[in-house]
Amino acid sequence: MPHKHRLCVKSDIDTLSDLAHNLDVNDLARDPKQIGNAIRRARKRRAWSQKTLGDLAALRQETISLLETGNPAAKIETILAVLAALDLELQIAPRSQNGPDVKGYF
């Protein structure tokens, strides 16, 4: 008997992710890798290449690549320039209760 349910493939997952982010869903980032993932998602939603984003932020494509892979040495000025190019902003909020323990970071 054939299955009546269709498997969720990567393109479906990408589509659902895009829909969620286009509905003004905020990304939560607690470490450099999560910041990089948020930047990558925002860039891809705009269908921009890393070079395009770099040009708009006055940075090299290689710098965008490093940010997107979560380089922990990224300067806050660089992150803010990329966010501005993406028409995004950094917001500071209290840590949610289900977040990881920060003691291990210090």
N, C-alpha and C. Protein backbone atom coordinates (compact mmCIF):
# COMPACT_ATOMS: atom_id res chain seq x y z
N MET A 1 0.85 -1.17 0.00
CA MET A 1 0.00 0.00 0.00
C MET A 1 0.90 1.24 0.00
N PRO A 2 0.71 2.15 -0.93
CA PRO A 2 1.55 3.34 -0.99
C PRO A 2 1.26 4.28 0.18
N HIS A 3 2.31 5.01 0.55
CA HIS A 3 2.17 5.99 1.63
C HIS A 3 1.37 7.19 1.14
N LYS A 4 0.56 7.72 2.02
CA LYS A 4 -0.25 8.87 1.67
C LYS A 4 0.40 10.18 2.11
N HIS A 5 1.51 10.08 2.84
CA HIS A 5 2.17 11.28 3.35
C HIS A 5 3.44 11.54 2.56
N ARG A 6 3.66 12.78 2.27
CA ARG A 6 4.85 13.17 1.55
C ARG A 6 5.94 13.55 2.58
N LEU A 7 7.15 13.12 2.32
CA LEU A 7 8.24 13.46 3.21
C LEU A 7 8.59 14.94 3.06
N CYS A 8 8.99 15.55 4.14
CA CYS A 8 9.40 16.94 4.11
C CYS A 8 10.85 16.99 3.62
N VAL A 9 11.06 17.60 2.48
CA VAL A 9 12.40 17.67 1.93
C VAL A 9 13.03 19.01 2.25
N LYS A 10 14.33 19.11 1.99
CA LYS A 10 15.07 20.32 2.33
C LYS A 10 14.42 21.58 1.77
N SER A 11 13.95 21.53 0.53
CA SER A 11 13.34 22.74 -0.05
C SER A 11 12.09 23.15 0.72
N ASP A 12 11.33 22.18 1.23
CA ASP A 12 10.15 22.50 2.03
C ASP A 12 10.57 23.15 3.35
N ILE A 13 11.62 22.63 3.95
CA ILE A 13 12.11 23.19 5.20
C ILE A 13 12.61 24.61 4.98
N ASP A 14 13.34 24.84 3.89
CA ASP A 14 13.81 26.18 3.57
C ASP A 14 12.64 27.13 3.36
N THR A 15 11.61 26.67 2.67
CA THR A 15 10.44 27.50 2.41
C THR A 15 9.75 27.87 3.72
N LEU A 16 9.58 26.90 4.61
CA LEU A 16 8.96 27.19 5.91
C LEU A 16 9.81 28.15 6.73
N SER A 17 11.12 27.97 6.68
CA SER A 17 12.02 28.87 7.40
C SER A 17 11.91 30.29 6.85
N ASP A 18 11.87 30.42 5.52
CA ASP A 18 11.73 31.74 4.91
C ASP A 18 10.41 32.38 5.31
N LEU A 19 9.33 31.60 5.31
CA LEU A 19 8.02 32.13 5.70
C LEU A 19 8.05 32.65 7.13
N ALA A 20 8.64 31.87 8.02
CA ALA A 20 8.72 32.27 9.43
C ALA A 20 9.51 33.57 9.57
N HIS A 21 10.62 33.68 8.86
CA HIS A 21 11.43 34.88 8.98
C HIS A 21 10.81 36.08 8.29
N ASN A 22 10.02 35.86 7.27
CA ASN A 22 9.35 36.97 6.60
C ASN A 22 8.16 37.48 7.41
N LEU A 23 7.75 36.75 8.42
CA LEU A 23 6.66 37.17 9.29
C LEU A 23 7.18 37.98 10.46
N ASP A 24 8.37 38.58 10.31
CA ASP A 24 8.97 39.43 11.33
C ASP A 24 9.31 38.64 12.59
N VAL A 25 9.81 37.43 12.42
CA VAL A 25 10.27 36.63 13.53
C VAL A 25 11.68 37.06 13.88
N ASN A 26 11.95 37.29 15.14
CA ASN A 26 13.28 37.72 15.57
C ASN A 26 14.19 36.52 15.75
N ASP A 27 15.45 36.69 15.34
CA ASP A 27 16.45 35.66 15.58
C ASP A 27 17.06 35.88 16.96
N LEU A 28 17.26 34.81 17.68
CA LEU A 28 17.92 34.86 18.98
C LEU A 28 19.34 34.37 18.78
N ALA A 29 20.31 35.14 19.22
CA ALA A 29 21.71 34.74 19.07
C ALA A 29 22.44 34.96 20.39
N ARG A 30 23.08 33.89 20.86
CA ARG A 30 23.81 33.95 22.12
C ARG A 30 25.30 33.67 21.96
N ASP A 31 25.72 33.36 20.76
CA ASP A 31 27.14 33.11 20.53
C ASP A 31 27.49 33.49 19.09
N PRO A 32 28.77 33.56 18.76
CA PRO A 32 29.17 33.99 17.42
C PRO A 32 28.59 33.14 16.29
N LYS A 33 28.48 31.85 16.50
CA LYS A 33 27.93 30.97 15.46
C LYS A 33 26.47 31.30 15.17
N GLN A 34 25.69 31.57 16.22
CA GLN A 34 24.28 31.93 16.05
C GLN A 34 24.14 33.30 15.38
N ILE A 35 25.03 34.23 15.70
CA ILE A 35 25.02 35.53 15.03
C ILE A 35 25.30 35.34 13.55
N GLY A 36 26.30 34.52 13.24
CA GLY A 36 26.64 34.24 11.85
C GLY A 36 25.48 33.60 11.09
N ASN A 37 24.81 32.66 11.73
CA ASN A 37 23.66 32.01 11.08
C ASN A 37 22.54 33.01 10.81
N ALA A 38 22.31 33.92 11.75
CA ALA A 38 21.28 34.94 11.56
C ALA A 38 21.63 35.86 10.40
N ILE A 39 22.89 36.24 10.30
CA ILE A 39 23.35 37.09 9.20
C ILE A 39 23.18 36.35 7.88
N ARG A 40 23.58 35.08 7.84
CA ARG A 40 23.45 34.29 6.60
C ARG A 40 22.00 34.18 6.16
N ARG A 41 21.10 33.88 7.11
CA ARG A 41 19.68 33.77 6.76
C ARG A 41 19.13 35.08 6.21
N ALA A 42 19.51 36.20 6.84
CA ALA A 42 19.04 37.50 6.39
C ALA A 42 19.57 37.81 4.99
N ARG A 43 20.83 37.48 4.74
CA ARG A 43 21.41 37.71 3.42
C ARG A 43 20.71 36.87 2.36
N LYS A 44 20.48 35.60 2.68
CA LYS A 44 19.85 34.70 1.71
C LYS A 44 18.39 35.08 1.45
N ARG A 45 17.69 35.60 2.46
CA ARG A 45 16.32 36.05 2.26
C ARG A 45 16.27 37.17 1.22
N ARG A 46 17.33 37.93 1.14
CA ARG A 46 17.41 39.01 0.17
C ARG A 46 18.00 38.55 -1.16
N ALA A 47 18.37 37.29 -1.23
CA ALA A 47 18.99 36.71 -2.44
C ALA A 47 20.27 37.44 -2.81
N TRP A 48 21.04 37.84 -1.79
CA TRP A 48 22.31 38.52 -2.01
C TRP A 48 23.45 37.52 -1.89
N SER A 49 24.49 37.75 -2.63
CA SER A 49 25.72 36.99 -2.46
C SER A 49 26.52 37.60 -1.30
N GLN A 50 27.52 36.88 -0.84
CA GLN A 50 28.39 37.44 0.19
C GLN A 50 29.10 38.68 -0.34
N LYS A 51 29.45 38.66 -1.60
CA LYS A 51 30.13 39.83 -2.20
C LYS A 51 29.22 41.04 -2.21
N THR A 52 27.96 40.84 -2.57
CA THR A 52 27.00 41.95 -2.57
C THR A 52 26.87 42.55 -1.18
N LEU A 53 26.71 41.69 -0.17
CA LEU A 53 26.60 42.18 1.21
C LEU A 53 27.89 42.89 1.61
N GLY A 54 29.02 42.31 1.26
CA GLY A 54 30.30 42.95 1.57
C GLY A 54 30.42 44.33 0.95
N ASP A 55 30.02 44.45 -0.30
CA ASP A 55 30.07 45.75 -0.98
C ASP A 55 29.18 46.77 -0.27
N LEU A 56 27.99 46.36 0.13
CA LEU A 56 27.06 47.26 0.80
C LEU A 56 27.55 47.68 2.19
N ALA A 57 28.31 46.79 2.83
CA ALA A 57 28.82 47.07 4.17
C ALA A 57 30.25 47.61 4.14
N ALA A 58 30.80 47.79 2.94
CA ALA A 58 32.18 48.25 2.76
C ALA A 58 33.18 47.28 3.40
N LEU A 59 32.92 45.98 3.18
CA LEU A 59 33.78 44.92 3.70
C LEU A 59 34.11 43.95 2.58
N ARG A 60 35.13 43.15 2.78
CA ARG A 60 35.48 42.13 1.79
C ARG A 60 34.54 40.93 1.91
N GLN A 61 34.38 40.21 0.84
CA GLN A 61 33.56 38.99 0.84
C GLN A 61 34.09 38.01 1.87
N GLU A 62 35.41 37.93 2.00
CA GLU A 62 36.02 37.02 2.96
C GLU A 62 35.60 37.34 4.40
N THR A 63 35.43 38.62 4.69
CA THR A 63 34.99 39.04 6.02
C THR A 63 33.56 38.57 6.28
N ILE A 64 32.70 38.69 5.27
CA ILE A 64 31.32 38.21 5.41
C ILE A 64 31.32 36.71 5.66
N SER A 65 32.15 35.99 4.93
CA SER A 65 32.25 34.54 5.12
C SER A 65 32.68 34.20 6.54
N LEU A 66 33.67 34.90 7.05
CA LEU A 66 34.12 34.66 8.43
C LEU A 66 33.01 34.93 9.44
N LEU A 67 32.28 36.03 9.25
CA LEU A 67 31.16 36.34 10.15
C LEU A 67 30.11 35.23 10.12
N GLU A 68 29.77 34.79 8.92
CA GLU A 68 28.70 33.80 8.77
C GLU A 68 29.10 32.44 9.34
N THR A 69 30.37 32.17 9.42
CA THR A 69 30.80 30.89 10.01
C THR A 69 31.04 31.00 11.51
N GLY A 70 30.78 32.18 12.08
CA GLY A 70 30.85 32.33 13.53
C GLY A 70 32.22 32.65 14.07
N ASN A 71 33.02 33.37 13.32
CA ASN A 71 34.35 33.75 13.80
C ASN A 71 34.23 34.53 15.10
N PRO A 72 34.79 34.01 16.21
CA PRO A 72 34.64 34.67 17.50
C PRO A 72 35.47 35.95 17.63
N ALA A 73 36.37 36.21 16.68
CA ALA A 73 37.20 37.41 16.74
C ALA A 73 36.57 38.61 16.02
N ALA A 74 35.35 38.47 15.55
CA ALA A 74 34.69 39.56 14.82
C ALA A 74 34.52 40.77 15.73
N LYS A 75 34.79 41.94 15.19
CA LYS A 75 34.63 43.18 15.94
C LYS A 75 33.16 43.61 15.91
N ILE A 76 32.73 44.24 16.97
CA ILE A 76 31.34 44.69 17.05
C ILE A 76 31.05 45.70 15.93
N GLU A 77 32.04 46.54 15.57
CA GLU A 77 31.85 47.51 14.48
C GLU A 77 31.55 46.80 13.17
N THR A 78 32.21 45.68 12.94
CA THR A 78 32.00 44.90 11.71
C THR A 78 30.59 44.31 11.70
N ILE A 79 30.19 43.74 12.81
CA ILE A 79 28.85 43.15 12.92
C ILE A 79 27.79 44.23 12.71
N LEU A 80 27.98 45.40 13.32
CA LEU A 80 27.01 46.48 13.18
C LEU A 80 26.94 47.00 11.74
N ALA A 81 28.07 47.04 11.05
CA ALA A 81 28.08 47.48 9.65
C ALA A 81 27.29 46.50 8.78
N VAL A 82 27.46 45.21 9.03
CA VAL A 82 26.73 44.19 8.27
C VAL A 82 25.24 44.26 8.58
N LEU A 83 24.90 44.40 9.84
CA LEU A 83 23.49 44.51 10.21
C LEU A 83 22.85 45.74 9.56
N ALA A 84 23.57 46.85 9.54
CA ALA A 84 23.04 48.07 8.91
C ALA A 84 22.82 47.85 7.42
N ALA A 85 23.75 47.18 6.76
CA ALA A 85 23.60 46.90 5.33
C ALA A 85 22.38 46.02 5.07
N LEU A 86 22.06 45.15 6.02
CA LEU A 86 20.90 44.27 5.91
C LEU A 86 19.62 44.94 6.42
N ASP A 87 19.73 46.20 6.84
CA ASP A 87 18.61 46.95 7.42
C ASP A 87 18.09 46.25 8.67
N LEU A 88 19.02 45.77 9.48
CA LEU A 88 18.70 45.12 10.76
C LEU A 88 19.36 45.90 11.88
N GLU A 89 18.97 45.60 13.10
CA GLU A 89 19.58 46.26 14.25
C GLU A 89 19.82 45.26 15.36
N LEU A 90 20.73 45.61 16.24
CA LEU A 90 21.04 44.80 17.41
C LEU A 90 20.17 45.27 18.56
N GLN A 91 19.50 44.35 19.22
CA GLN A 91 18.70 44.70 20.39
C GLN A 91 19.21 43.90 21.58
N ILE A 92 19.28 44.53 22.71
CA ILE A 92 19.73 43.89 23.94
C ILE A 92 18.50 43.61 24.80
N ALA A 93 18.37 42.37 25.27
CA ALA A 93 17.21 41.99 26.07
C ALA A 93 17.66 41.05 27.18
N PRO A 94 16.88 40.96 28.25
CA PRO A 94 17.22 39.99 29.30
C PRO A 94 17.23 38.57 28.72
N ARG A 95 18.14 37.77 29.24
CA ARG A 95 18.25 36.38 28.81
C ARG A 95 17.02 35.61 29.26
N SER A 96 16.48 34.81 28.36
CA SER A 96 15.32 33.99 28.70
C SER A 96 15.73 32.90 29.69
N GLN A 97 14.77 32.39 30.42
CA GLN A 97 15.06 31.39 31.46
C GLN A 97 15.58 30.08 30.91
N ASN A 98 15.23 29.74 29.67
CA ASN A 98 15.65 28.46 29.13
C ASN A 98 16.99 28.55 28.40
N GLY A 99 17.69 29.67 28.54
CA GLY A 99 18.99 29.83 27.90
C GLY A 99 20.07 29.06 28.63
N PRO A 100 21.22 28.88 27.97
CA PRO A 100 22.31 28.16 28.60
C PRO A 100 22.91 28.97 29.75
N ASP A 101 23.55 28.28 30.67
CA ASP A 101 24.20 28.91 31.80
C ASP A 101 25.39 29.70 31.30
N VAL A 102 25.48 30.98 31.67
CA VAL A 102 26.57 31.83 31.17
C VAL A 102 27.86 31.63 31.92
N LYS A 103 27.86 30.93 33.02
CA LYS A 103 29.08 30.76 33.82
C LYS A 103 30.19 30.11 33.01
N GLY A 104 29.85 29.24 32.10
CA GLY A 104 30.86 28.56 31.30
C GLY A 104 31.56 29.45 30.29
N TYR A 105 31.02 30.66 30.06
CA TYR A 105 31.62 31.57 29.08
C TYR A 105 32.70 32.45 29.69
N PHE A 106 32.79 32.50 31.03
CA PHE A 106 33.74 33.41 31.68
C PHE A 106 34.78 32.67 32.46
